[in-house]
């Protein structure tokens, strides 16, 4: 399969240590939530077109992650949930992880299972290990 770029600029497919991962590059948006939300919708459509389950890691470094951003992230992930095989988020401070987990627990319909990492390499390694 020929590699292409997703809307966020990630190579797809991206092979890492014998497995395939997909990065949702949501980092670097600072306070520009409208641009971030637009990219989330574009990535959702891209992922739906792959028509397969993916091992996904989300990069949120250098993005101001407010409650509104967390809620939109949850909604976006719910819309592509049947395309998610494994999911990890990189770049969230501990307090923000706690807030995200509380929002997910409050929304019983998510079915999301997220693992958090500080280091992208650790996240990708975890994704490709069964």
Protein backbone atom coordinates (compact mmCIF):
# COMPACT_ATOMS: atom_id res chain seq x y z
CA UNK A 1 0.00 0.00 0.00
CA UNK A 2 1.29 3.45 -0.90
CA UNK A 3 1.71 5.87 2.03
CA UNK A 4 -0.39 9.01 2.07
CA UNK A 5 -0.76 11.85 4.55
CA UNK A 6 -3.76 12.18 6.82
CA UNK A 7 -5.35 15.64 7.29
CA UNK A 8 -3.14 16.23 10.35
CA UNK A 9 0.01 15.41 8.39
CA UNK A 10 0.68 11.88 9.66
CA UNK A 11 1.91 9.26 7.23
CA UNK A 12 -0.65 6.52 6.65
CA UNK A 13 0.00 3.71 6.96
CA UNK A 14 2.83 4.28 9.44
CA UNK A 15 4.74 1.13 10.35
CA UNK A 16 6.53 0.94 13.68
CA UNK A 17 8.38 -2.07 15.12
CA UNK A 18 6.47 -4.49 12.92
CA UNK A 19 3.02 -2.99 13.53
CA UNK A 20 0.88 -0.24 12.09
CA UNK A 21 -0.08 2.87 14.07
CA UNK A 22 -1.92 6.06 13.21
CA UNK A 23 -1.15 9.40 14.86
CA UNK A 24 -3.77 12.06 15.33
CA UNK A 25 -1.63 15.19 15.49
CA UNK A 26 -3.74 17.45 17.67
CA UNK A 27 -0.73 19.13 19.27
CA UNK A 28 0.50 22.64 18.57
CA UNK A 29 -2.92 24.29 18.45
CA UNK A 30 -2.30 26.33 21.60
CA UNK A 31 -5.64 28.14 22.08
CA UNK A 32 -7.04 27.71 18.53
CA UNK A 33 -9.86 25.31 19.38
CA UNK A 34 -11.84 26.03 16.19
CA UNK A 35 -8.96 24.88 13.98
CA UNK A 36 -8.47 21.85 16.25
CA UNK A 37 -12.16 20.89 16.05
CA UNK A 38 -12.11 21.22 12.25
CA UNK A 39 -9.07 18.93 12.08
CA UNK A 40 -10.81 16.39 14.33
CA UNK A 41 -13.72 16.22 11.88
CA UNK A 42 -11.33 15.84 8.92
CA UNK A 43 -9.46 13.03 10.69
CA UNK A 44 -12.74 11.29 11.52
CA UNK A 45 -13.66 11.23 7.83
CA UNK A 46 -10.17 10.02 6.89
CA UNK A 47 -10.37 7.19 9.45
CA UNK A 48 -13.85 6.16 8.29
CA UNK A 49 -12.52 5.89 4.72
CA UNK A 50 -9.79 3.45 5.87
CA UNK A 51 -12.59 1.04 6.76
CA UNK A 52 -10.46 -0.77 9.32
CA UNK A 53 -9.60 -0.80 13.00
CA UNK A 54 -6.53 1.25 13.87
CA UNK A 55 -4.03 1.52 16.68
CA UNK A 56 -4.23 5.25 17.38
CA UNK A 57 -2.08 7.60 19.39
CA UNK A 58 -3.15 11.18 19.93
CA UNK A 59 -0.55 13.94 20.30
CA UNK A 60 -1.84 16.84 22.39
CA UNK A 61 1.46 18.58 23.17
CA UNK A 62 1.22 22.38 23.08
CA UNK A 63 -2.56 22.48 22.84
CA UNK A 64 -4.61 24.20 25.55
CA UNK A 65 -6.85 21.36 26.67
CA UNK A 66 -9.95 22.93 28.22
CA UNK A 67 -13.13 21.14 29.29
CA UNK A 68 -14.65 22.11 25.93
CA UNK A 69 -11.70 20.52 24.10
CA UNK A 70 -12.00 17.35 26.20
CA UNK A 71 -15.72 17.08 25.48
CA UNK A 72 -15.17 17.54 21.73
CA UNK A 73 -12.35 14.97 21.82
CA UNK A 74 -14.65 12.44 23.50
CA UNK A 75 -17.40 13.10 20.93
CA UNK A 76 -14.91 12.72 18.08
CA UNK A 77 -13.60 9.44 19.48
CA UNK A 78 -17.14 8.15 19.97
CA UNK A 79 -17.85 8.83 16.28
CA UNK A 80 -14.89 6.66 15.22
CA UNK A 81 -14.99 4.19 18.12
CA UNK A 82 -15.63 1.14 15.92
CA UNK A 83 -12.42 2.01 14.00
CA UNK A 84 -10.28 2.05 17.17
CA UNK A 85 -8.39 -1.12 18.03
CA UNK A 86 -6.17 0.48 20.71
CA UNK A 87 -5.93 4.08 21.87
CA UNK A 88 -3.31 6.11 23.67
CA UNK A 89 -2.91 9.82 24.37
CA UNK A 90 0.46 11.54 24.70
CA UNK A 91 1.09 14.96 26.19
CA UNK A 92 -1.61 15.37 28.81
CA UNK A 93 -0.74 16.54 32.32
CA UNK A 94 -1.94 14.28 35.14
CA UNK A 95 -4.79 16.60 36.18
CA UNK A 96 -6.10 16.76 32.60
CA UNK A 97 -5.97 12.95 32.35
CA UNK A 98 -8.06 12.80 35.51
CA UNK A 99 -10.57 15.28 34.06
CA UNK A 100 -10.82 13.31 30.82
CA UNK A 101 -11.33 10.03 32.68
CA UNK A 102 -14.09 11.62 34.80
CA UNK A 103 -15.88 12.92 31.68
CA UNK A 104 -15.64 9.49 30.04
CA UNK A 105 -17.02 7.78 33.15
CA UNK A 106 -19.89 10.27 33.19
CA UNK A 107 -20.78 9.34 29.60
CA UNK A 108 -21.60 5.64 29.81
CA UNK A 109 -22.02 5.38 26.03
CA UNK A 110 -18.37 6.03 25.14
CA UNK A 111 -16.87 2.57 25.57
CA UNK A 112 -13.48 4.29 25.35
CA UNK A 113 -10.42 2.71 26.91
CA UNK A 114 -7.49 5.12 26.89
CA UNK A 115 -3.91 4.50 28.01
CA UNK A 116 -1.71 7.54 28.67
CA UNK A 117 1.98 8.03 28.01
CA UNK A 118 4.45 10.90 28.38
CA UNK A 119 6.73 9.64 25.62
CA UNK A 120 5.50 9.02 22.04
CA UNK A 121 7.96 6.15 21.55
CA UNK A 122 6.54 4.33 24.59
CA UNK A 123 3.01 4.94 23.28
CA UNK A 124 3.80 3.54 19.84
CA UNK A 125 5.59 0.52 21.34
CA UNK A 126 2.57 -0.21 23.56
CA UNK A 127 0.23 0.06 20.58
CA UNK A 128 2.07 -2.52 18.48
CA UNK A 129 2.51 -5.02 21.34
CA UNK A 130 -0.47 -7.33 21.67
